[in-house]
Amino acid sequence: MPRVSIITSVYNGELYLEECIESILNQTFDDFEYIVLNNGSTDRTAKILNLYNDPRLRVIHQENLGIPRSLNKGIELSCGDLIARQDADDYSFNSRLEHQVKFMDQHQDIVFCGSRWFEAINGKLLKQRVPFIETDESIRKSMCLFNPFSHSVMIFRKQTFLESGGYNCQYKYSQDYDLWVRMLNLGKAHILKEELGVARIFEKSESHKNTRKQKFEGLRIRWKAFQKFGGNPRNVLYYLLKTLVGLIFPSKNYFN
């Protein structure tokens, strides 16, 4: 039985899929299975996936279930007691799993763990824009303000994921943010200081195309987090106004 199951759901991801897959298959920690769910792609995604014959890679071709349902299916089919996530646009540095598995083994009270990450924009690697927060206490205080995690560098305990109810299909673009809020009811979280992966941001990405919808979902989740964990009302108001300004006056020069 593999120790870790990495889950990727991909829809029309031909542009960066090979880099994504290779970054997992070349990890220094190799006791894993990699489940890639082809979520109804109509481009070359299926052909690219079928080129691989690595026994650690499990490819599932399916109709488009939407991201939350697809990820829930992948985790239900997984064998590892630890689940790692990576989006098809993104990639991991080769020591990512080694760092995260070691940390999870040494801290049994931690139920999910992220890391710092880089953002790839126009071929450049930039530091993450989201403020870095490390400890469980700080994470809880920040959840009503913003999501301090990148989905593509997350690792979590499968049992806790199942106990939390998994990804909520009501959230099409912020299902990870909602999940972290619920999992914090079951244990602690942590973010590693090391940059262990890269989140790619480009104009055709699903997250960028649906930025407004993602922000509206995020407002609902932030309110739930405030009700559960509290927070500084002044900071809550600041981030609310910042989000509203972004919705009214979206940045047009992000990729320039």
Protein backbone atom coordinates (compact mmCIF):
# COMPACT_ATOMS: atom_id res chain seq x y z
CA MET A 1 0.00 0.00 0.00
CA PRO A 2 1.47 3.39 -0.94
CA ARG A 3 2.01 5.86 1.88
CA VAL A 4 0.86 8.92 -0.08
CA SER A 5 -1.75 9.40 -2.80
CA ILE A 6 -1.34 12.49 -4.99
CA ILE A 7 -4.54 13.65 -6.68
CA THR A 8 -4.83 15.77 -9.83
CA SER A 9 -8.04 16.53 -11.71
CA VAL A 10 -7.43 17.91 -15.19
CA TYR A 11 -9.69 19.49 -17.79
CA ASN A 12 -8.07 20.53 -21.09
CA GLY A 13 -4.67 20.79 -19.45
CA GLU A 14 -2.44 19.84 -22.39
CA LEU A 15 -0.27 22.95 -22.12
CA TYR A 16 1.35 22.21 -18.74
CA LEU A 17 0.28 18.65 -17.94
CA GLU A 18 3.61 16.96 -18.70
CA GLU A 19 5.53 19.33 -16.42
CA CYS A 20 2.94 18.69 -13.69
CA ILE A 21 3.21 14.91 -13.96
CA GLU A 22 7.00 14.80 -14.27
CA SER A 23 7.36 16.90 -11.12
CA ILE A 24 5.55 14.19 -9.15
CA LEU A 25 7.15 11.17 -10.78
CA ASN A 26 10.61 12.64 -10.03
CA GLN A 27 10.05 13.16 -6.29
CA THR A 28 12.84 12.10 -3.91
CA PHE A 29 10.17 10.38 -1.81
CA ASP A 30 8.78 7.56 -3.93
CA ASP A 31 6.32 5.59 -1.77
CA PHE A 32 3.27 7.02 -3.52
CA GLU A 33 0.56 6.54 -6.09
CA TYR A 34 -0.40 9.32 -8.43
CA ILE A 35 -4.07 9.44 -9.44
CA VAL A 36 -4.87 11.70 -12.39
CA LEU A 37 -8.53 12.14 -13.30
CA ASN A 38 -9.12 13.31 -16.87
CA ASN A 39 -12.26 15.33 -16.27
CA GLY A 40 -13.87 15.19 -19.73
CA SER A 41 -11.03 16.92 -21.62
CA THR A 42 -11.49 17.64 -25.32
CA ASP A 43 -7.88 18.59 -26.14
CA ARG A 44 -4.75 16.37 -26.15
CA THR A 45 -4.93 15.65 -22.41
CA ALA A 46 -6.01 12.01 -22.87
CA LYS A 47 -3.25 11.33 -25.43
CA ILE A 48 -0.60 12.80 -23.14
CA LEU A 49 -1.78 10.72 -20.18
CA ASN A 50 -1.83 7.53 -22.23
CA LEU A 51 1.86 7.96 -23.09
CA TYR A 52 2.89 7.19 -19.51
CA ASN A 53 3.50 3.64 -18.28
CA ASP A 54 4.85 4.36 -14.80
CA PRO A 55 3.21 1.84 -12.41
CA ARG A 56 2.76 4.56 -9.77
CA LEU A 57 0.49 6.54 -12.11
CA ARG A 58 -3.22 5.70 -12.21
CA VAL A 59 -5.15 7.45 -14.98
CA ILE A 60 -8.94 7.67 -14.88
CA HIS A 61 -10.81 8.96 -17.94
CA GLN A 62 -14.29 10.20 -17.05
CA GLU A 63 -17.02 12.68 -17.91
CA ASN A 64 -16.64 16.19 -16.55
CA LEU A 65 -17.79 15.91 -12.94
CA GLY A 66 -16.66 19.37 -11.89
CA ILE A 67 -13.59 19.84 -9.70
CA PRO A 68 -15.05 19.06 -6.23
CA ARG A 69 -16.79 15.83 -7.29
CA SER A 70 -13.77 14.73 -9.31
CA LEU A 71 -11.40 15.29 -6.38
CA ASN A 72 -13.75 13.49 -3.99
CA LYS A 73 -13.82 10.52 -6.38
CA GLY A 74 -10.03 10.44 -6.64
CA ILE A 75 -9.59 10.46 -2.88
CA GLU A 76 -12.24 7.76 -2.41
CA LEU A 77 -10.25 5.57 -4.84
CA SER A 78 -6.91 6.33 -3.17
CA CYS A 79 -4.94 3.92 -1.00
CA GLY A 80 -2.62 6.25 0.92
CA ASP A 81 -3.29 7.49 4.43
CA LEU A 82 -1.87 10.85 3.37
CA ILE A 83 -3.34 12.79 0.44
CA ALA A 84 -1.35 15.38 -1.50
CA ARG A 85 -2.90 17.76 -4.00
CA GLN A 86 -1.59 19.28 -7.20
CA ASP A 87 -3.43 21.14 -9.95
CA ALA A 88 -2.63 20.28 -13.57
CA ASP A 89 -1.29 23.81 -14.24
CA ASP A 90 1.20 23.63 -11.38
CA TYR A 91 4.29 21.68 -10.39
CA SER A 92 6.22 20.62 -7.30
CA PHE A 93 9.90 20.78 -6.47
CA ASN A 94 11.39 17.31 -6.19
CA SER A 95 11.80 17.32 -2.37
CA ARG A 96 8.22 18.41 -1.68
CA LEU A 97 6.81 15.06 -0.54
CA GLU A 98 9.95 14.23 1.44
CA HIS A 99 9.58 17.44 3.47
CA GLN A 100 5.85 17.14 4.02
CA VAL A 101 5.69 13.42 4.87
CA LYS A 102 8.51 13.82 7.38
CA PHE A 103 6.71 16.75 9.02
CA MET A 104 3.37 14.91 9.18
CA ASP A 105 5.04 11.86 10.71
CA GLN A 106 6.70 13.99 13.39
CA HIS A 107 3.53 15.97 14.21
CA GLN A 108 0.58 13.64 14.58
CA ASP A 109 -1.66 16.47 15.80
CA ILE A 110 -1.36 18.22 12.42
CA VAL A 111 -4.16 17.12 10.08
CA PHE A 112 -3.19 19.24 7.08
CA CYS A 113 -0.05 21.03 6.03
CA GLY A 114 0.88 23.50 3.30
CA SER A 115 4.08 25.31 2.42
CA ARG A 116 5.30 28.51 0.92
CA TRP A 117 5.13 28.59 -2.86
CA PHE A 118 6.17 30.57 -5.91
CA GLU A 119 3.83 32.05 -8.51
CA ALA A 120 4.70 31.60 -12.19
CA ILE A 121 3.57 34.63 -14.21
CA ASN A 122 4.75 35.32 -17.75
CA GLY A 123 7.67 32.93 -17.36
CA LYS A 124 8.90 34.50 -14.13
CA LEU A 125 8.91 32.92 -10.66
CA LEU A 126 7.68 35.41 -8.08
CA LYS A 127 7.20 35.18 -4.33
CA GLN A 128 3.65 34.37 -3.25
CA ARG A 129 1.41 37.42 -2.84
CA VAL A 130 -0.49 35.89 0.08
CA PRO A 131 1.07 36.73 3.48
CA PHE A 132 3.04 33.81 4.95
CA ILE A 133 1.54 32.42 8.15
CA GLU A 134 3.07 29.41 9.88
CA THR A 135 1.42 28.25 13.11
CA ASP A 136 -2.02 26.80 13.80
CA GLU A 137 -3.00 29.74 16.00
CA SER A 138 -2.09 32.28 13.31
CA ILE A 139 -3.81 30.24 10.61
CA ARG A 140 -7.09 30.20 12.55
CA LYS A 141 -6.94 33.97 13.03
CA SER A 142 -6.32 34.52 9.32
CA MET A 143 -9.06 32.28 7.92
CA CYS A 144 -11.70 35.03 8.21
CA LEU A 145 -9.40 37.38 6.25
CA PHE A 146 -7.96 35.28 3.41
CA ASN A 147 -6.97 31.75 2.44
CA PRO A 148 -3.29 31.38 3.45
CA PHE A 149 -2.85 28.09 1.55
CA SER A 150 -2.09 27.12 -2.03
CA HIS A 151 -4.15 24.06 -2.97
CA SER A 152 -1.30 22.61 -5.05
CA VAL A 153 1.14 22.27 -2.13
CA MET A 154 -1.26 20.75 0.38
CA ILE A 155 -1.00 17.40 2.16
CA PHE A 156 -3.62 16.10 4.58
CA ARG A 157 -4.72 12.99 6.41
CA LYS A 158 -7.29 11.00 4.46
CA GLN A 159 -9.22 9.99 7.57
CA THR A 160 -9.66 13.61 8.64
CA PHE A 161 -10.73 14.55 5.11
CA LEU A 162 -13.43 11.86 5.18
CA GLU A 163 -14.58 12.88 8.66
CA SER A 164 -14.92 16.48 7.49
CA GLY A 165 -17.24 15.47 4.65
CA GLY A 166 -14.78 16.07 1.82
CA TYR A 167 -15.01 18.83 -0.76
CA ASN A 168 -18.33 20.68 -0.74
CA CYS A 169 -19.72 20.67 -4.29
CA GLN A 170 -21.56 23.95 -3.61
CA TYR A 171 -18.20 25.69 -3.98
CA LYS A 172 -16.98 25.36 -7.58
CA TYR A 173 -13.93 27.60 -7.25
CA SER A 174 -13.14 27.81 -3.51
CA GLN A 175 -13.75 24.23 -2.44
CA ASP A 176 -10.30 24.03 -0.85
CA TYR A 177 -10.79 27.15 1.32
CA ASP A 178 -14.08 25.75 2.63
CA LEU A 179 -12.46 22.38 3.32
CA TRP A 180 -9.66 23.88 5.44
CA VAL A 181 -12.20 25.73 7.61
CA ARG A 182 -14.05 22.47 8.31
CA MET A 183 -10.90 20.41 8.86
CA LEU A 184 -9.71 22.90 11.47
CA ASN A 185 -12.56 21.62 13.64
CA LEU A 186 -10.83 18.22 13.69
CA GLY A 187 -7.18 19.08 14.25
CA LYS A 188 -4.34 21.51 13.72
CA ALA A 189 -2.77 22.98 10.60
CA HIS A 190 0.70 24.21 9.70
CA ILE A 191 2.50 25.89 6.80
CA LEU A 192 6.14 25.00 6.15
CA LYS A 193 8.69 27.77 5.59
CA GLU A 194 10.18 26.09 2.51
CA GLU A 195 8.89 26.92 -0.97
CA LEU A 196 7.89 23.47 -2.22
CA GLY A 197 5.94 24.19 -5.38
CA VAL A 198 4.82 26.58 -8.07
CA ALA A 199 1.30 27.84 -8.77
CA ARG A 200 0.93 28.99 -12.35
CA ILE A 201 -1.23 32.05 -12.99
CA PHE A 202 -2.24 32.77 -16.58
CA GLU A 203 -5.18 34.34 -18.34
CA LYS A 204 -6.73 31.09 -19.57
CA SER A 205 -6.56 29.30 -16.23
CA GLU A 206 -9.87 28.35 -14.59
CA SER A 207 -9.04 30.29 -11.43
CA HIS A 208 -8.25 33.46 -13.34
CA LYS A 209 -11.28 33.20 -15.66
CA ASN A 210 -13.53 32.79 -12.61
CA THR A 211 -11.88 35.28 -10.26
CA ARG A 212 -15.11 37.15 -9.49
CA LYS A 213 -17.06 33.98 -8.68
CA GLN A 214 -14.15 32.76 -6.54
CA LYS A 215 -14.13 36.03 -4.59
CA PHE A 216 -17.88 35.85 -3.94
CA GLU A 217 -17.49 32.27 -2.66
CA GLY A 218 -14.58 33.39 -0.55
CA LEU A 219 -16.69 36.04 1.17
CA ARG A 220 -19.16 33.37 2.29
CA ILE A 221 -16.37 31.16 3.60
CA ARG A 222 -14.67 34.01 5.41
CA TRP A 223 -17.91 34.77 7.23
CA LYS A 224 -18.16 31.11 8.32
CA ALA A 225 -14.55 31.24 9.53
CA PHE A 226 -15.23 34.43 11.50
CA GLN A 227 -18.20 32.76 13.20
CA LYS A 228 -16.09 29.70 14.12
CA PHE A 229 -12.72 31.18 15.00
CA GLY A 230 -13.37 34.87 15.55
CA GLY A 231 -10.96 37.56 14.45
CA ASN A 232 -10.11 41.23 14.65
CA PRO A 233 -13.22 43.12 13.39
CA ARG A 234 -11.07 45.96 12.05
CA ASN A 235 -8.99 43.54 9.96
CA VAL A 236 -12.12 41.75 8.80
CA LEU A 237 -13.57 45.06 7.60
CA TYR A 238 -10.30 45.98 5.84
CA TYR A 239 -10.16 42.72 3.88
CA LEU A 240 -13.86 42.94 3.08
CA LEU A 241 -13.43 46.42 1.61
CA LYS A 242 -10.31 45.29 -0.25
CA THR A 243 -12.25 42.43 -1.84
CA LEU A 244 -15.19 44.67 -2.76
CA VAL A 245 -12.86 47.19 -4.40
CA GLY A 246 -11.29 44.35 -6.38
CA LEU A 247 -14.72 43.23 -7.54
CA ILE A 248 -15.72 46.73 -8.61
CA PHE A 249 -12.38 47.72 -10.13
CA PRO A 250 -10.66 44.51 -11.29
CA SER A 251 -6.98 44.81 -12.21
CA LYS A 252 -6.41 44.79 -15.96
CA ASN A 253 -2.62 44.93 -15.88
CA TYR A 254 -1.88 41.75 -13.93
CA PHE A 255 -0.04 40.05 -16.79
CA ASN A 256 1.69 43.13 -18.21
